[in-house]
Protein backbone atom coordinates (compact mmCIF):
# COMPACT_ATOMS: atom_id res chain seq x y z
CA MET A 1 -0.45 -13.85 -15.59
CA ASP A 2 -2.03 -10.86 -17.21
CA LYS A 3 0.63 -8.30 -17.63
CA ILE A 4 -1.66 -5.43 -16.40
CA TYR A 5 -2.64 -7.36 -13.28
CA GLU A 6 1.17 -8.00 -12.77
CA ASP A 7 1.98 -4.26 -13.07
CA LEU A 8 -0.53 -3.37 -10.77
CA SER A 9 0.56 -5.99 -8.05
CA ILE A 10 4.14 -4.35 -8.64
CA LEU A 11 2.85 -0.99 -8.11
CA GLN A 12 0.94 -1.61 -5.18
CA ILE A 13 4.06 -3.42 -3.59
CA LYS A 14 6.30 -0.60 -4.45
CA ILE A 15 3.65 1.94 -2.79
CA LEU A 16 3.91 -0.30 0.42
CA SER A 17 7.63 0.17 0.53
CA LEU A 18 7.32 3.74 0.06
CA ILE A 19 4.80 4.02 2.97
CA ALA A 20 6.97 1.78 5.27
CA TRP A 21 9.93 4.05 4.71
CA THR A 22 8.23 7.39 5.16
CA ASP A 23 9.00 7.94 8.70
CA GLY A 24 12.75 7.15 7.89
CA GLU A 25 12.70 3.53 9.45
CA ILE A 26 10.84 0.28 8.72
CA SER A 27 9.64 -1.62 11.82
CA VAL A 28 9.70 -5.23 12.27
CA GLU A 29 5.64 -5.39 11.76
CA GLU A 30 5.95 -3.30 8.51
CA ARG A 31 8.68 -5.50 7.25
CA GLN A 32 6.85 -8.62 7.77
CA PHE A 33 3.60 -7.18 6.28
CA TYR A 34 5.50 -5.98 3.26
CA GLN A 35 7.14 -9.52 2.95
CA ASN A 36 3.75 -11.33 3.44
CA MET A 37 2.23 -8.76 0.58
CA VAL A 38 4.95 -9.82 -1.89
CA GLN A 39 4.72 -13.70 -0.96
CA VAL A 40 0.91 -13.64 -1.46
CA SER A 41 1.27 -11.55 -4.91
CA PRO A 42 0.74 -13.18 -8.16
CA CYS A 43 4.04 -12.29 -9.41
CA SER A 44 6.55 -14.51 -10.62
CA ASP A 45 9.41 -15.82 -8.39
CA GLU A 46 11.80 -13.67 -10.16
CA THR A 47 9.68 -10.60 -9.84
CA LYS A 48 9.10 -11.11 -6.16
CA GLN A 49 12.78 -11.35 -5.48
CA THR A 50 12.91 -7.94 -7.08
CA LEU A 51 10.16 -6.68 -5.02
CA LEU A 52 11.75 -8.01 -1.86
CA GLN A 53 14.82 -5.70 -2.76
CA TYR A 54 12.45 -2.48 -2.20
CA ILE A 55 12.14 -3.40 1.48
CA GLU A 56 15.94 -2.09 1.66
CA LYS A 57 15.43 0.99 -0.48
CA SER A 58 12.25 2.10 -1.66
CA PRO A 59 11.16 3.86 -4.84
CA SER A 60 10.50 7.58 -4.89
CA LEU A 61 7.18 9.18 -4.85
CA ASP A 62 7.76 10.15 -8.38
CA ASP A 63 8.50 6.80 -9.65
CA ILE A 64 5.12 5.88 -8.09
CA PHE A 65 3.26 8.72 -9.85
CA LYS A 66 4.68 7.62 -13.14
CA SER A 67 2.75 4.24 -12.97
CA LEU A 68 -0.60 5.47 -11.60
CA SER A 69 -2.35 6.54 -14.94
CA GLY A 70 -5.45 4.50 -15.96
CA ILE A 71 -5.69 2.17 -12.89
CA PRO A 72 -9.11 0.79 -12.32
CA LYS A 73 -11.11 2.18 -9.35
CA GLU A 74 -11.17 -1.25 -7.67
CA ILE A 75 -7.58 -1.56 -7.71
CA VAL A 76 -7.27 2.19 -6.54
CA THR A 77 -9.24 1.43 -3.38
CA SER A 78 -7.08 -1.72 -2.42
CA VAL A 79 -3.93 0.08 -3.11
CA LEU A 80 -4.97 2.77 -0.61
CA ARG A 81 -6.19 0.33 2.07
CA ASN A 82 -3.01 -1.58 1.95
CA ALA A 83 -1.07 1.63 1.94
CA TYR A 84 -2.93 2.29 5.15
CA ALA A 85 -2.56 -0.97 6.54
CA ILE A 86 1.33 -0.97 6.29
CA ALA A 87 1.35 2.60 7.80
CA LEU A 88 -0.35 1.46 10.92
CA ALA A 89 1.44 -2.15 10.94
CA ASP A 90 3.60 -0.92 13.88
CA GLY A 91 0.86 0.47 15.74
CA LYS A 92 1.26 4.07 14.96
CA ILE A 93 0.65 6.31 11.65
CA SER A 94 3.19 9.25 11.24
CA GLU A 95 2.23 12.57 9.44
CA GLN A 96 4.69 11.85 6.92
CA GLU A 97 2.92 8.43 6.11
CA ILE A 98 -0.58 10.08 6.00
CA ASP A 99 0.87 13.07 3.66
CA ILE A 100 2.22 10.30 1.23
CA ILE A 101 -0.99 8.42 1.44
CA ASP A 102 -2.94 11.71 0.73
CA LYS A 103 -0.62 12.58 -2.35
CA ILE A 104 -1.28 9.43 -3.64
CA ALA A 105 -5.02 9.52 -3.20
CA MET A 106 -5.14 12.89 -4.68
CA LYS A 107 -3.01 11.82 -7.80
CA LEU A 108 -5.56 8.92 -8.07
CA GLY A 109 -8.42 11.13 -8.03
CA VAL A 110 -9.53 11.94 -4.67
CA ASP A 111 -10.64 15.46 -4.59
CA GLU A 112 -8.45 17.55 -2.04
CA LYS A 113 -11.68 18.84 -0.41
CA MET A 114 -12.62 15.17 0.37
CA ILE A 115 -9.48 14.21 2.17
CA PRO A 116 -11.16 14.29 5.74
CA ILE A 117 -13.83 11.94 4.36
CA PHE A 118 -11.06 9.93 2.66
CA HIS A 119 -9.48 9.43 6.09
CA LYS A 120 -12.56 8.33 7.75
CA TRP A 121 -12.88 5.74 4.97
CA LEU A 122 -9.46 4.36 5.44
CA GLU A 123 -9.88 4.03 9.19
CA LEU A 124 -13.33 2.17 8.66
CA SER A 125 -11.75 0.19 5.87
CA TYR A 126 -9.08 -0.90 8.18
CA GLN A 127 -11.43 -1.91 10.81
CA VAL A 128 -13.37 -3.89 8.83
CA GLU A 129 -10.25 -5.81 7.48
CA LEU A 130 -9.28 -6.60 11.09
CA ILE A 131 -12.83 -7.98 11.86
CA GLU A 132 -12.54 -10.03 8.50
CA THR A 133 -9.23 -11.26 9.73
CA LYS A 134 -10.79 -12.56 13.07
CA LEU A 135 -13.99 -13.94 11.46
CA PHE A 136 -12.43 -15.92 8.65
CA ASN A 137 -8.84 -16.22 9.85
CA THR A 138 -7.43 -14.44 6.75
CA HIS A 139 -4.50 -12.13 6.60
CA PHE A 140 -4.01 -8.54 5.09
C-alpha cells in the first residue's frame, strides 16, 4: 500500500478515536463504528491491531495536529465527515465533540467565520451518507 495513503488512513482512524472519547465515554455504537472503520481500512493487519488499541485510549489533539500538514482536500472532507459520523453514532453529539471537530476543521483550513456553514455542510453530508446507505446497502 502507498505509504501516504496508509498514513492518512491511520490519521483518520486516530481522529475517530479522539472524537469518540471526547465526551468522556465511548458508547457501544461509537465502538462499533470505530471497529468497522479499522476493519475496512486498507492498513496491514499489524497496523489494524495497533489502531484497535486507540479504542481504549485515544491520541491527544496535539498528536493529531502534528499529523495534519499537507493533507489533500478530498481527504480533508472525508476525515471531517467521518469525525461527525462517529460523534453522532450514539444518537447525540456533545458540545465537546463539536468543539474538537471545529478545531480540526480550522487546523485543516476552514476559516473560523465559516464554522456555521461548515456545521450545515456536516449535517447535510451526514444525511446524504444515510440515504446512500439505504439506497445501496453500504455502511459508513
